[in-house]
Amino acid sequence: MLDSLWDVIVWTFWFMLLVAWIWLLISIFSDLFRDHELGGGAKALWTFLLLILPWLGVLIYLIARGNSMNQRAMQAARERQESFRTYVQETASTTSPADELRKLAELRDSGVITAEDYERAKLKVLA
């Protein structure tokens, strides 16, 4: 009984190691082909290395380009977050530019804002 349990634990360890390696390989290939600074020849050499010597290739890639890989991932995350934030702001906006201009005109007519403030705000609304 104990021997078969040990076999399951060892099998699970090797399976999880394989899954982690496949995940790393996919991450590296996606980083490799998203990098605009790296030329086609260098991408081909990295691909050749990763396919011919997969374990060693992954380790070499992580050592050589791991820091820049992280920076590209962080930049992509920031761009996705900013894009999402812009989308939400545009979608959640319930007032139309005409409504905002009408409110600005009312504020100008009531004397709350000056004509210069009105013109600046109008340019922002129309931009």
C-alpha atoms as a PDB file:
ATOM      1  CA  MET A   1       0.000   0.000   0.000  1.00  0.00           C
ATOM      2  CA  LEU A   2       2.721   2.441   0.967  1.00  0.00           C
ATOM      3  CA  ASP A   3       4.719   1.574  -2.130  1.00  0.00           C
ATOM      4  CA  SER A   4       1.798   2.372  -4.471  1.00  0.00           C
ATOM      5  CA  LEU A   5       1.187   5.664  -2.647  1.00  0.00           C
ATOM      6  CA  TRP A   6       4.831   6.572  -3.141  1.00  0.00           C
ATOM      7  CA  ASP A   7       4.511   5.743  -6.854  1.00  0.00           C
ATOM      8  CA  VAL A   8       1.533   8.098  -7.136  1.00  0.00           C
ATOM      9  CA  ILE A   9       3.459  10.897  -5.396  1.00  0.00           C
ATOM     10  CA  VAL A  10       6.491  10.445  -7.676  1.00  0.00           C
ATOM     11  CA  TRP A  11       4.285  10.267 -10.779  1.00  0.00           C
ATOM     12  CA  THR A  12       2.454  13.435  -9.681  1.00  0.00           C
ATOM     13  CA  PHE A  13       5.768  15.226  -9.139  1.00  0.00           C
ATOM     14  CA  TRP A  14       7.027  14.374 -12.633  1.00  0.00           C
ATOM     15  CA  PHE A  15       3.680  15.264 -14.201  1.00  0.00           C
ATOM     16  CA  MET A  16       3.642  18.674 -12.488  1.00  0.00           C
ATOM     17  CA  LEU A  17       7.248  19.250 -13.571  1.00  0.00           C
ATOM     18  CA  LEU A  18       6.221  18.517 -17.160  1.00  0.00           C
ATOM     19  CA  VAL A  19       3.237  20.901 -16.902  1.00  0.00           C
ATOM     20  CA  ALA A  20       5.479  23.634 -15.466  1.00  0.00           C
ATOM     21  CA  TRP A  21       8.001  23.138 -18.258  1.00  0.00           C
ATOM     22  CA  ILE A  22       5.296  23.302 -20.952  1.00  0.00           C
ATOM     23  CA  TRP A  23       3.920  26.479 -19.351  1.00  0.00           C
ATOM     24  CA  LEU A  24       7.423  27.987 -19.306  1.00  0.00           C
ATOM     25  CA  LEU A  25       8.000  27.023 -22.921  1.00  0.00           C
ATOM     26  CA  ILE A  26       4.718  28.656 -24.018  1.00  0.00           C
ATOM     27  CA  SER A  27       5.584  31.786 -22.010  1.00  0.00           C
ATOM     28  CA  ILE A  28       9.018  31.972 -23.583  1.00  0.00           C
ATOM     29  CA  PHE A  29       7.735  31.515 -27.130  1.00  0.00           C
ATOM     30  CA  SER A  30       5.057  34.168 -26.624  1.00  0.00           C
ATOM     31  CA  ASP A  31       7.655  36.562 -25.181  1.00  0.00           C
ATOM     32  CA  LEU A  32      10.074  35.758 -27.961  1.00  0.00           C
ATOM     33  CA  PHE A  33       7.640  36.551 -30.757  1.00  0.00           C
ATOM     34  CA  ARG A  34       6.193  39.646 -29.025  1.00  0.00           C
ATOM     35  CA  ASP A  35       9.609  41.251 -28.627  1.00  0.00           C
ATOM     36  CA  HIS A  36       9.899  43.915 -31.333  1.00  0.00           C
ATOM     37  CA  GLU A  37      13.537  44.706 -30.558  1.00  0.00           C
ATOM     38  CA  LEU A  38      14.774  41.203 -31.404  1.00  0.00           C
ATOM     39  CA  GLY A  39      15.436  40.512 -35.093  1.00  0.00           C
ATOM     40  CA  GLY A  40      14.175  37.572 -37.120  1.00  0.00           C
ATOM     41  CA  GLY A  41      17.527  35.791 -37.114  1.00  0.00           C
ATOM     42  CA  ALA A  42      17.827  35.970 -33.350  1.00  0.00           C
ATOM     43  CA  LYS A  43      14.255  34.698 -32.983  1.00  0.00           C
ATOM     44  CA  ALA A  44      15.068  31.796 -35.287  1.00  0.00           C
ATOM     45  CA  LEU A  45      18.196  30.931 -33.273  1.00  0.00           C
ATOM     46  CA  TRP A  46      16.278  31.032 -29.980  1.00  0.00           C
ATOM     47  CA  THR A  47      13.538  28.855 -31.490  1.00  0.00           C
ATOM     48  CA  PHE A  48      16.141  26.399 -32.798  1.00  0.00           C
ATOM     49  CA  LEU A  49      17.798  26.241 -29.364  1.00  0.00           C
ATOM     50  CA  LEU A  50      14.471  25.772 -27.583  1.00  0.00           C
ATOM     51  CA  LEU A  51      13.440  22.956 -29.916  1.00  0.00           C
ATOM     52  CA  ILE A  52      16.793  21.129 -30.068  1.00  0.00           C
ATOM     53  CA  LEU A  53      17.812  21.469 -26.396  1.00  0.00           C
ATOM     54  CA  PRO A  54      14.505  22.212 -24.662  1.00  0.00           C
ATOM     55  CA  TRP A  55      15.513  22.039 -20.982  1.00  0.00           C
ATOM     56  CA  LEU A  56      18.846  23.754 -21.472  1.00  0.00           C
ATOM     57  CA  GLY A  57      17.317  26.262 -23.892  1.00  0.00           C
ATOM     58  CA  VAL A  58      14.678  27.291 -21.356  1.00  0.00           C
ATOM     59  CA  LEU A  59      17.314  27.776 -18.653  1.00  0.00           C
ATOM     60  CA  ILE A  60      19.590  29.784 -20.949  1.00  0.00           C
ATOM     61  CA  TYR A  61      16.667  31.963 -22.096  1.00  0.00           C
ATOM     62  CA  LEU A  62      15.588  32.665 -18.522  1.00  0.00           C
ATOM     63  CA  ILE A  63      19.133  33.583 -17.510  1.00  0.00           C
ATOM     64  CA  ALA A  64      19.868  35.683 -20.592  1.00  0.00           C
ATOM     65  CA  ARG A  65      16.511  37.390 -21.110  1.00  0.00           C
ATOM     66  CA  GLY A  66      14.517  36.801 -17.917  1.00  0.00           C
ATOM     67  CA  ASN A  67      14.708  40.397 -16.692  1.00  0.00           C
ATOM     68  CA  SER A  68      13.648  41.909 -20.006  1.00  0.00           C
ATOM     69  CA  MET A  69      10.935  39.235 -20.256  1.00  0.00           C
ATOM     70  CA  ASN A  70       9.521  40.480 -16.968  1.00  0.00           C
ATOM     71  CA  GLN A  71       9.700  44.114 -18.100  1.00  0.00           C
ATOM     72  CA  ARG A  72       7.808  43.339 -21.317  1.00  0.00           C
ATOM     73  CA  ALA A  73       5.160  41.446 -19.361  1.00  0.00           C
ATOM     74  CA  MET A  74       4.724  44.354 -16.940  1.00  0.00           C
ATOM     75  CA  GLN A  75       4.471  46.856 -19.817  1.00  0.00           C
ATOM     76  CA  ALA A  76       1.855  44.715 -21.560  1.00  0.00           C
ATOM     77  CA  ALA A  77      -0.128  44.466 -18.310  1.00  0.00           C
ATOM     78  CA  ARG A  78      -0.005  48.265 -17.888  1.00  0.00           C
ATOM     79  CA  GLU A  79      -1.199  48.770 -21.464  1.00  0.00           C
ATOM     80  CA  ARG A  80      -4.074  46.300 -20.988  1.00  0.00           C
ATOM     81  CA  GLN A  81      -5.058  47.988 -17.724  1.00  0.00           C
ATOM     82  CA  GLU A  82      -5.000  51.461 -19.287  1.00  0.00           C
ATOM     83  CA  SER A  83      -6.992  50.227 -22.270  1.00  0.00           C
ATOM     84  CA  PHE A  84      -9.578  48.661 -19.963  1.00  0.00           C
ATOM     85  CA  ARG A  85      -9.765  51.806 -17.836  1.00  0.00           C
ATOM     86  CA  THR A  86     -10.315  53.961 -20.930  1.00  0.00           C
ATOM     87  CA  TYR A  87     -12.986  51.582 -22.196  1.00  0.00           C
ATOM     88  CA  VAL A  88     -14.823  51.639 -18.873  1.00  0.00           C
ATOM     89  CA  GLN A  89     -14.682  55.429 -18.679  1.00  0.00           C
ATOM     90  CA  GLU A  90     -16.015  55.791 -22.218  1.00  0.00           C
ATOM     91  CA  THR A  91     -18.715  53.189 -21.696  1.00  0.00           C
ATOM     92  CA  ALA A  92     -19.794  54.393 -18.262  1.00  0.00           C
ATOM     93  CA  SER A  93     -20.139  57.981 -19.407  1.00  0.00           C
ATOM     94  CA  THR A  94     -23.886  58.589 -19.467  1.00  0.00           C
ATOM     95  CA  THR A  95     -23.770  62.191 -20.589  1.00  0.00           C
ATOM     96  CA  SER A  96     -23.334  63.160 -24.187  1.00  0.00           C
ATOM     97  CA  PRO A  97     -21.096  66.037 -25.276  1.00  0.00           C
ATOM     98  CA  ALA A  98     -24.236  68.078 -25.997  1.00  0.00           C
ATOM     99  CA  ASP A  99     -25.411  67.608 -22.388  1.00  0.00           C
ATOM    100  CA  GLU A 100     -22.032  68.645 -21.037  1.00  0.00           C
ATOM    101  CA  LEU A 101     -21.943  71.734 -23.263  1.00  0.00           C
ATOM    102  CA  ARG A 102     -25.428  72.683 -22.092  1.00  0.00           C
ATOM    103  CA  LYS A 103     -24.337  72.351 -18.452  1.00  0.00           C
ATOM    104  CA  LEU A 104     -21.232  74.428 -19.140  1.00  0.00           C
ATOM    105  CA  ALA A 105     -23.340  77.114 -20.812  1.00  0.00           C
ATOM    106  CA  GLU A 106     -25.648  77.187 -17.794  1.00  0.00           C
ATOM    107  CA  LEU A 107     -22.668  77.579 -15.462  1.00  0.00           C
ATOM    108  CA  ARG A 108     -21.289  80.377 -17.641  1.00  0.00           C
ATOM    109  CA  ASP A 109     -24.666  82.140 -17.829  1.00  0.00           C
ATOM    110  CA  SER A 110     -25.152  81.929 -14.066  1.00  0.00           C
ATOM    111  CA  GLY A 111     -21.663  83.378 -13.480  1.00  0.00           C
ATOM    112  CA  VAL A 112     -20.154  80.317 -11.792  1.00  0.00           C
ATOM    113  CA  ILE A 113     -17.414  80.055 -14.426  1.00  0.00           C
ATOM    114  CA  THR A 114     -15.867  82.705 -16.633  1.00  0.00           C
ATOM    115  CA  ALA A 115     -16.053  82.817 -20.415  1.00  0.00           C
ATOM    116  CA  GLU A 116     -12.390  81.711 -20.579  1.00  0.00           C
ATOM    117  CA  ASP A 117     -13.115  78.720 -18.322  1.00  0.00           C
ATOM    118  CA  TYR A 118     -16.102  77.890 -20.502  1.00  0.00           C
ATOM    119  CA  GLU A 119     -13.975  77.930 -23.671  1.00  0.00           C
ATOM    120  CA  ARG A 120     -11.296  75.704 -22.094  1.00  0.00           C
ATOM    121  CA  ALA A 121     -13.879  73.229 -20.818  1.00  0.00           C
ATOM    122  CA  LYS A 122     -15.657  73.265 -24.170  1.00  0.00           C
ATOM    123  CA  LEU A 123     -12.410  72.348 -25.936  1.00  0.00           C
ATOM    124  CA  LYS A 124     -11.932  69.420 -23.529  1.00  0.00           C
ATOM    125  CA  VAL A 125     -15.485  68.193 -24.126  1.00  0.00           C
ATOM    126  CA  LEU A 126     -15.130  68.425 -27.900  1.00  0.00           C
ATOM    127  CA  ALA A 127     -11.685  66.774 -27.956  1.00  0.00           C
END
